[in-house]
PDB file of N, CA and C in Angstrom:
ATOM      1  N   MET A   1     -10.793  -0.517   9.671  1.00  0.00           N
ATOM      2  CA  MET A   1      -9.647   0.379   9.584  1.00  0.00           C
ATOM      3  C   MET A   1      -8.902   0.273  10.853  1.00  0.00           C
ATOM      4  N   CYS A   2      -7.729   0.372  10.842  1.00  0.00           N
ATOM      5  CA  CYS A   2      -6.855   0.309  11.995  1.00  0.00           C
ATOM      6  C   CYS A   2      -6.101   1.795  12.170  1.00  0.00           C
ATOM      7  N   LEU A   3      -5.883   2.034  13.345  1.00  0.00           N
ATOM      8  CA  LEU A   3      -5.224   3.197  13.809  1.00  0.00           C
ATOM      9  C   LEU A   3      -4.055   3.049  14.825  1.00  0.00           C
ATOM     10  N   ALA A   4      -3.016   3.626  14.573  1.00  0.00           N
ATOM     11  CA  ALA A   4      -1.882   3.456  15.373  1.00  0.00           C
ATOM     12  C   ALA A   4      -1.518   5.025  15.754  1.00  0.00           C
ATOM     13  N   ILE A   5      -1.284   5.239  17.086  1.00  0.00           N
ATOM     14  CA  ILE A   5      -1.027   6.614  17.526  1.00  0.00           C
ATOM     15  C   ILE A   5       0.228   6.770  18.205  1.00  0.00           C
ATOM     16  N   PRO A   6       0.763   7.847  18.139  1.00  0.00           N
ATOM     17  CA  PRO A   6       2.074   8.068  18.733  1.00  0.00           C
ATOM     18  C   PRO A   6       1.679   8.544  20.336  1.00  0.00           C
ATOM     19  N   ALA A   7       2.500   7.965  21.168  1.00  0.00           N
ATOM     20  CA  ALA A   7       2.415   8.168  22.594  1.00  0.00           C
ATOM     21  C   ALA A   7       3.706   8.151  23.158  1.00  0.00           C
ATOM     22  N   ARG A   8       3.850   9.070  24.408  1.00  0.00           N
ATOM     23  CA  ARG A   8       5.118   9.353  25.019  1.00  0.00           C
ATOM     24  C   ARG A   8       5.245   8.210  26.186  1.00  0.00           C
ATOM     25  N   VAL A   9       6.332   7.566  26.261  1.00  0.00           N
ATOM     26  CA  VAL A   9       6.809   6.711  27.236  1.00  0.00           C
ATOM     27  C   VAL A   9       7.002   7.532  28.571  1.00  0.00           C
ATOM     28  N   VAL A  10       6.313   7.081  29.591  1.00  0.00           N
ATOM     29  CA  VAL A  10       6.445   7.681  31.004  1.00  0.00           C
ATOM     30  C   VAL A  10       7.000   6.883  32.090  1.00  0.00           C
ATOM     31  N   GLU A  11       7.158   5.511  31.635  1.00  0.00           N
ATOM     32  CA  GLU A  11       7.500   4.527  32.738  1.00  0.00           C
ATOM     33  C   GLU A  11       7.857   3.454  32.120  1.00  0.00           C
ATOM     34  N   LEU A  12       9.065   2.704  32.332  1.00  0.00           N
ATOM     35  CA  LEU A  12       9.450   1.413  32.013  1.00  0.00           C
ATOM     36  C   LEU A  12       9.224   0.448  33.105  1.00  0.00           C
ATOM     37  N   ARG A  13       8.581  -0.641  32.889  1.00  0.00           N
ATOM     38  CA  ARG A  13       8.172  -1.479  33.921  1.00  0.00           C
ATOM     39  C   ARG A  13       8.819  -2.865  33.922  1.00  0.00           C
ATOM     40  N   ASP A  14       9.355  -3.193  32.863  1.00  0.00           N
ATOM     41  CA  ASP A  14      10.323  -4.280  32.769  1.00  0.00           C
ATOM     42  C   ASP A  14      10.762  -4.256  31.330  1.00  0.00           C
ATOM     43  N   PRO A  15      11.638  -5.322  30.982  1.00  0.00           N
ATOM     44  CA  PRO A  15      12.217  -5.093  29.561  1.00  0.00           C
ATOM     45  C   PRO A  15      11.160  -4.998  28.516  1.00  0.00           C
ATOM     46  N   ASP A  16      10.050  -5.655  28.762  1.00  0.00           N
ATOM     47  CA  ASP A  16       9.238  -5.689  27.559  1.00  0.00           C
ATOM     48  C   ASP A  16       7.794  -4.840  27.802  1.00  0.00           C
ATOM     49  N   LEU A  17       7.855  -4.117  29.039  1.00  0.00           N
ATOM     50  CA  LEU A  17       6.497  -3.300  29.310  1.00  0.00           C
ATOM     51  C   LEU A  17       6.831  -1.823  29.729  1.00  0.00           C
ATOM     52  N   ALA A  18       5.979  -1.112  29.292  1.00  0.00           N
ATOM     53  CA  ALA A  18       6.211   0.267  29.434  1.00  0.00           C
ATOM     54  C   ALA A  18       4.748   0.951  29.849  1.00  0.00           C
ATOM     55  N   VAL A  19       4.700   2.107  30.378  1.00  0.00           N
ATOM     56  CA  VAL A  19       3.535   2.846  30.476  1.00  0.00           C
ATOM     57  C   VAL A  19       3.557   4.128  29.549  1.00  0.00           C
ATOM     58  N   VAL A  20       2.776   4.322  28.696  1.00  0.00           N
ATOM     59  CA  VAL A  20       2.603   5.410  27.882  1.00  0.00           C
ATOM     60  C   VAL A  20       1.544   6.490  28.299  1.00  0.00           C
ATOM     61  N   ASP A  21       1.613   7.794  27.771  1.00  0.00           N
ATOM     62  CA  ASP A  21       0.617   8.917  28.091  1.00  0.00           C
ATOM     63  C   ASP A  21       0.335   9.334  26.784  1.00  0.00           C
ATOM     64  N   LEU A  22      -0.913   9.572  26.612  1.00  0.00           N
ATOM     65  CA  LEU A  22      -1.540  10.274  25.440  1.00  0.00           C
ATOM     66  C   LEU A  22      -2.676  11.253  26.085  1.00  0.00           C
ATOM     67  N   SER A  23      -2.303  12.523  26.067  1.00  0.00           N
ATOM     68  CA  SER A  23      -3.218  13.461  26.592  1.00  0.00           C
ATOM     69  C   SER A  23      -3.802  13.256  28.070  1.00  0.00           C
ATOM     70  N   GLY A  24      -2.987  12.714  28.914  1.00  0.00           N
ATOM     71  CA  GLY A  24      -3.388  12.264  30.084  1.00  0.00           C
ATOM     72  C   GLY A  24      -3.908  10.952  30.355  1.00  0.00           C
ATOM     73  N   VAL A  25      -4.075  10.224  29.338  1.00  0.00           N
ATOM     74  CA  VAL A  25      -4.633   8.857  29.385  1.00  0.00           C
ATOM     75  C   VAL A  25      -3.305   8.042  29.509  1.00  0.00           C
ATOM     76  N   GLN A  26      -3.055   7.176  30.364  1.00  0.00           N
ATOM     77  CA  GLN A  26      -1.981   6.186  30.624  1.00  0.00           C
ATOM     78  C   GLN A  26      -2.426   4.846  30.447  1.00  0.00           C
ATOM     79  N   LYS A  27      -1.540   4.196  29.791  1.00  0.00           N
ATOM     80  CA  LYS A  27      -1.805   2.528  29.389  1.00  0.00           C
ATOM     81  C   LYS A  27      -0.567   1.748  29.462  1.00  0.00           C
ATOM     82  N   GLU A  28      -0.751   0.690  29.959  1.00  0.00           N
ATOM     83  CA  GLU A  28       0.626  -0.227  29.872  1.00  0.00           C
ATOM     84  C   GLU A  28       0.606  -0.836  28.507  1.00  0.00           C
ATOM     85  N   ILE A  29       1.742  -0.958  27.918  1.00  0.00           N
ATOM     86  CA  ILE A  29       1.971  -1.395  26.483  1.00  0.00           C
ATOM     87  C   ILE A  29       3.102  -2.323  26.394  1.00  0.00           C
ATOM     88  N   SER A  30       3.171  -3.138  25.475  1.00  0.00           N
ATOM     89  CA  SER A  30       4.346  -4.113  25.208  1.00  0.00           C
ATOM     90  C   SER A  30       5.342  -3.429  24.474  1.00  0.00           C
ATOM     91  N   LEU A  31       6.638  -3.547  24.783  1.00  0.00           N
ATOM     92  CA  LEU A  31       7.854  -3.142  24.032  1.00  0.00           C
ATOM     93  C   LEU A  31       8.478  -4.288  23.268  1.00  0.00           C
ATOM     94  N   ALA A  32       7.629  -5.533  23.235  1.00  0.00           N
ATOM     95  CA  ALA A  32       8.416  -6.497  22.641  1.00  0.00           C
ATOM     96  C   ALA A  32       8.800  -6.511  21.202  1.00  0.00           C
ATOM     97  N   LEU A  33       8.302  -5.559  20.440  1.00  0.00           N
ATOM     98  CA  LEU A  33       8.701  -5.183  19.002  1.00  0.00           C
ATOM     99  C   LEU A  33       9.607  -4.317  18.796  1.00  0.00           C
ATOM    100  N   VAL A  34       9.989  -3.511  19.950  1.00  0.00           N
ATOM    101  CA  VAL A  34      10.888  -2.352  19.615  1.00  0.00           C
ATOM    102  C   VAL A  34      12.167  -2.352  20.540  1.00  0.00           C
ATOM    103  N   ASP A  35      13.304  -1.975  20.143  1.00  0.00           N
ATOM    104  CA  ASP A  35      14.366  -2.029  20.949  1.00  0.00           C
ATOM    105  C   ASP A  35      14.783  -0.653  21.457  1.00  0.00           C
ATOM    106  N   ASP A  36      15.695  -0.560  22.597  1.00  0.00           N
ATOM    107  CA  ASP A  36      16.026   0.702  23.041  1.00  0.00           C
ATOM    108  C   ASP A  36      15.032   1.810  23.185  1.00  0.00           C
ATOM    109  N   VAL A  37      14.016   1.511  23.958  1.00  0.00           N
ATOM    110  CA  VAL A  37      12.947   2.418  24.233  1.00  0.00           C
ATOM    111  C   VAL A  37      13.396   3.156  25.555  1.00  0.00           C
ATOM    112  N   ALA A  38      13.302   4.556  25.792  1.00  0.00           N
ATOM    113  CA  ALA A  38      13.629   5.131  27.058  1.00  0.00           C
ATOM    114  C   ALA A  38      12.494   6.037  27.689  1.00  0.00           C
ATOM    115  N   VAL A  39      12.409   6.341  28.776  1.00  0.00           N
ATOM    116  CA  VAL A  39      11.462   7.235  29.179  1.00  0.00           C
ATOM    117  C   VAL A  39      11.560   8.560  28.383  1.00  0.00           C
ATOM    118  N   GLY A  40      10.518   9.107  28.058  1.00  0.00           N
ATOM    119  CA  GLY A  40      10.585  10.330  27.102  1.00  0.00           C
ATOM    120  C   GLY A  40      10.373  10.095  25.599  1.00  0.00           C
ATOM    121  N   ASP A  41      10.762   8.763  25.205  1.00  0.00           N
ATOM    122  CA  ASP A  41      10.590   8.491  23.741  1.00  0.00           C
ATOM    123  C   ASP A  41       9.196   8.488  23.272  1.00  0.00           C
ATOM    124  N   TYR A  42       8.865   8.791  21.946  1.00  0.00           N
ATOM    125  CA  TYR A  42       7.669   8.574  21.456  1.00  0.00           C
ATOM    126  C   TYR A  42       7.699   7.190  20.752  1.00  0.00           C
ATOM    127  N   VAL A  43       6.430   6.591  20.959  1.00  0.00           N
ATOM    128  CA  VAL A  43       6.345   5.253  20.105  1.00  0.00           C
ATOM    129  C   VAL A  43       4.990   5.283  19.312  1.00  0.00           C
ATOM    130  N   ILE A  44       5.054   4.348  18.357  1.00  0.00           N
ATOM    131  CA  ILE A  44       3.692   4.216  17.677  1.00  0.00           C
ATOM    132  C   ILE A  44       2.992   3.115  18.218  1.00  0.00           C
ATOM    133  N   VAL A  45       1.831   3.218  18.843  1.00  0.00           N
ATOM    134  CA  VAL A  45       1.173   2.277  19.430  1.00  0.00           C
ATOM    135  C   VAL A  45      -0.141   1.842  18.718  1.00  0.00           C
ATOM    136  N   HIS A  46      -0.192   0.422  18.783  1.00  0.00           N
ATOM    137  CA  HIS A  46      -1.438  -0.177  17.906  1.00  0.00           C
ATOM    138  C   HIS A  46      -1.768  -1.541  18.828  1.00  0.00           C
ATOM    139  N   VAL A  47      -2.826  -1.440  19.182  1.00  0.00           N
ATOM    140  CA  VAL A  47      -3.554  -2.598  20.089  1.00  0.00           C
ATOM    141  C   VAL A  47      -2.689  -2.969  21.177  1.00  0.00           C
ATOM    142  N   GLY A  48      -2.058  -2.198  21.846  1.00  0.00           N
ATOM    143  CA  GLY A  48      -1.229  -2.396  23.066  1.00  0.00           C
ATOM    144  C   GLY A  48       0.137  -2.779  22.700  1.00  0.00           C
ATOM    145  N   TYR A  49       0.692  -2.663  21.651  1.00  0.00           N
ATOM    146  CA  TYR A  49       2.079  -2.864  21.182  1.00  0.00           C
ATOM    147  C   TYR A  49       2.530  -1.637  20.487  1.00  0.00           C
ATOM    148  N   ALA A  50       3.857  -1.263  21.098  1.00  0.00           N
ATOM    149  CA  ALA A  50       4.759  -0.387  20.366  1.00  0.00           C
ATOM    150  C   ALA A  50       5.231  -0.922  19.131  1.00  0.00           C
ATOM    151  N   LEU A  51       5.004  -0.205  18.112  1.00  0.00           N
ATOM    152  CA  LEU A  51       5.416  -0.788  16.769  1.00  0.00           C
ATOM    153  C   LEU A  51       6.797  -0.207  16.247  1.00  0.00           C
ATOM    154  N   ASN A  52       7.111   0.960  16.666  1.00  0.00           N
ATOM    155  CA  ASN A  52       8.381   1.668  16.354  1.00  0.00           C
ATOM    156  C   ASN A  52       8.482   2.978  17.032  1.00  0.00           C
ATOM    157  N   LYS A  53       9.732   3.470  17.294  1.00  0.00           N
ATOM    158  CA  LYS A  53      10.105   4.626  17.748  1.00  0.00           C
ATOM    159  C   LYS A  53       9.700   5.619  16.789  1.00  0.00           C
ATOM    160  N   LEU A  54       9.363   6.971  17.286  1.00  0.00           N
ATOM    161  CA  LEU A  54       9.050   8.100  16.443  1.00  0.00           C
ATOM    162  C   LEU A  54       9.755   9.243  16.939  1.00  0.00           C
ATOM    163  N   ASP A  55      10.290   9.970  15.939  1.00  0.00           N
ATOM    164  CA  ASP A  55      10.919  11.408  16.229  1.00  0.00           C
ATOM    165  C   ASP A  55      10.055  12.245  16.785  1.00  0.00           C
ATOM    166  N   PRO A  56      10.402  13.033  17.937  1.00  0.00           N
ATOM    167  CA  PRO A  56       9.449  13.930  18.794  1.00  0.00           C
ATOM    168  C   PRO A  56       8.925  14.825  17.864  1.00  0.00           C
ATOM    169  N   GLU A  57       9.598  15.467  16.853  1.00  0.00           N
ATOM    170  CA  GLU A  57       8.888  16.459  15.960  1.00  0.00           C
ATOM    171  C   GLU A  57       7.822  15.837  15.153  1.00  0.00           C
ATOM    172  N   GLU A  58       7.867  14.567  14.718  1.00  0.00           N
ATOM    173  CA  GLU A  58       6.746  13.934  13.898  1.00  0.00           C
ATOM    174  C   GLU A  58       5.816  13.570  14.876  1.00  0.00           C
ATOM    175  N   ALA A  59       6.050  13.145  16.076  1.00  0.00           N
ATOM    176  CA  ALA A  59       4.973  12.892  16.975  1.00  0.00           C
ATOM    177  C   ALA A  59       4.056  14.197  17.158  1.00  0.00           C
ATOM    178  N   ALA A  60       4.758  15.119  17.476  1.00  0.00           N
ATOM    179  CA  ALA A  60       4.160  16.540  17.684  1.00  0.00           C
ATOM    180  C   ALA A  60       3.071  16.889  16.732  1.00  0.00           C
ATOM    181  N   LYS A  61       3.633  16.659  15.371  1.00  0.00           N
ATOM    182  CA  LYS A  61       2.788  16.876  13.971  1.00  0.00           C
ATOM    183  C   LYS A  61       1.479  16.042  14.201  1.00  0.00           C
ATOM    184  N   THR A  62       1.756  14.831  14.257  1.00  0.00           N
ATOM    185  CA  THR A  62       0.672  13.776  14.340  1.00  0.00           C
ATOM    186  C   THR A  62      -0.300  14.279  15.293  1.00  0.00           C
ATOM    187  N   LEU A  63       0.196  14.381  16.638  1.00  0.00           N
ATOM    188  CA  LEU A  63      -0.866  14.758  17.693  1.00  0.00           C
ATOM    189  C   LEU A  63      -1.538  15.860  17.438  1.00  0.00           C
ATOM    190  N   ALA A  64      -0.858  17.014  16.721  1.00  0.00           N
ATOM    191  CA  ALA A  64      -1.692  18.217  16.483  1.00  0.00           C
ATOM    192  C   ALA A  64      -2.709  17.909  15.482  1.00  0.00           C
ATOM    193  N   LEU A  65      -2.469  17.116  14.453  1.00  0.00           N
ATOM    194  CA  LEU A  65      -3.404  16.733  13.559  1.00  0.00           C
ATOM    195  C   LEU A  65      -4.648  16.134  14.057  1.00  0.00           C
ATOM    196  N   PHE A  66      -4.432  15.121  15.181  1.00  0.00           N
ATOM    197  CA  PHE A  66      -5.431  14.376  15.740  1.00  0.00           C
ATOM    198  C   PHE A  66      -6.236  15.543  16.593  1.00  0.00           C
ATOM    199  N   ALA A  67      -5.638  16.496  17.168  1.00  0.00           N
ATOM    200  CA  ALA A  67      -6.345  17.530  17.890  1.00  0.00           C
ATOM    201  C   ALA A  67      -7.159  18.380  17.022  1.00  0.00           C
ATOM    202  N   GLU A  68      -6.613  18.710  15.781  1.00  0.00           N
ATOM    203  CA  GLU A  68      -7.674  19.448  14.984  1.00  0.00           C
ATOM    204  C   GLU A  68      -8.793  18.653  14.429  1.00  0.00           C
ATOM    205  N   LEU A  69      -8.545  17.345  14.167  1.00  0.00           N
ATOM    206  CA  LEU A  69      -9.793  16.630  13.840  1.00  0.00           C
ATOM    207  C   LEU A  69     -10.730  16.521  15.129  1.00  0.00           C
ATOM    208  N   GLY A  70     -10.319  16.458  16.193  1.00  0.00           N
ATOM    209  CA  GLY A  70     -11.178  16.419  17.318  1.00  0.00           C
ATOM    210  C   GLY A  70     -12.062  17.621  17.394  1.00  0.00           C
ATOM    211  N   GLU A  71     -11.368  18.678  17.194  1.00  0.00           N
ATOM    212  CA  GLU A  71     -12.075  20.016  17.227  1.00  0.00           C
ATOM    213  C   GLU A  71     -13.046  20.252  15.928  1.00  0.00           C
ATOM    214  N   PHE A  72     -12.484  19.629  14.871  1.00  0.00           N
ATOM    215  CA  PHE A  72     -13.366  19.748  13.666  1.00  0.00           C
ATOM    216  C   PHE A  72     -14.574  18.958  13.929  1.00  0.00           C
ATOM    217  N   ASN A  73     -14.424  17.600  14.582  1.00  0.00           N
ATOM    218  CA  ASN A  73     -15.794  16.862  14.766  1.00  0.00           C
ATOM    219  C   ASN A  73     -16.571  17.522  15.644  1.00  0.00           C
ATOM    220  N   GLN A  74     -16.259  18.301  16.684  1.00  0.00           N
ATOM    221  CA  GLN A  74     -17.107  18.800  17.722  1.00  0.00           C
ATOM    222  C   GLN A  74     -17.960  19.959  17.123  1.00  0.00           C
ATOM    223  N   THR A  75     -17.369  20.541  15.921  1.00  0.00           N
ATOM    224  CA  THR A  75     -18.157  21.570  15.412  1.00  0.00           C
ATOM    225  C   THR A  75     -19.544  20.976  14.513  1.00  0.00           C
ATOM    226  N   GLY A  76     -19.476  19.812  14.288  1.00  0.00           N
ATOM    227  CA  GLY A  76     -20.691  19.046  13.639  1.00  0.00           C
ATOM    228  C   GLY A  76     -20.489  19.202  12.102  1.00  0.00           C
ATOM    229  N   ILE A  77     -19.280  19.732  11.704  1.00  0.00           N
ATOM    230  CA  ILE A  77     -19.091  19.807  10.237  1.00  0.00           C
ATOM    231  C   ILE A  77     -18.621  18.404   9.782  1.00  0.00           C
ATOM    232  N   SER A  78     -19.093  18.128   8.625  1.00  0.00           N
ATOM    233  CA  SER A  78     -18.642  16.712   8.129  1.00  0.00           C
ATOM    234  C   SER A  78     -18.202  16.901   6.581  1.00  0.00           C
ATOM    235  N   HIS A  79     -17.236  16.095   6.164  1.00  0.00           N
ATOM    236  CA  HIS A  79     -16.892  15.887   4.916  1.00  0.00           C
ATOM    237  C   HIS A  79     -17.801  15.173   4.009  1.00  0.00           C
ATOM    238  N   GLU A  80     -18.728  14.553   4.576  1.00  0.00           N
ATOM    239  CA  GLU A  80     -19.822  13.879   3.814  1.00  0.00           C
ATOM    240  C   GLU A  80     -20.553  14.562   2.722  1.00  0.00           C
ATOM    241  N   PRO A  81     -20.678  14.064   1.563  1.00  0.00           N
ATOM    242  CA  PRO A  81     -21.536  14.833   0.624  1.00  0.00           C
ATOM    243  C   PRO A  81     -23.108  14.872   0.992  1.00  0.00           C
TER     244      PRO A  81
END
């Protein structure tokens, strides 16, 4: 299973590199697959590459779902039968 996550761009390093932030974790990623990215934009990141830009409202919804899953998992409750 693959997972791509939304992250906010906090720094542009050169035309094809940026630093993104996800809950305080910063990582350098490639922008080679996406055009016109600016600081403050949200991008979908998979294995170190931005795949596309994401609307800030959609990013917020997705990040909220991830947060809920984290809280759910910490309770020890499982969906397993």
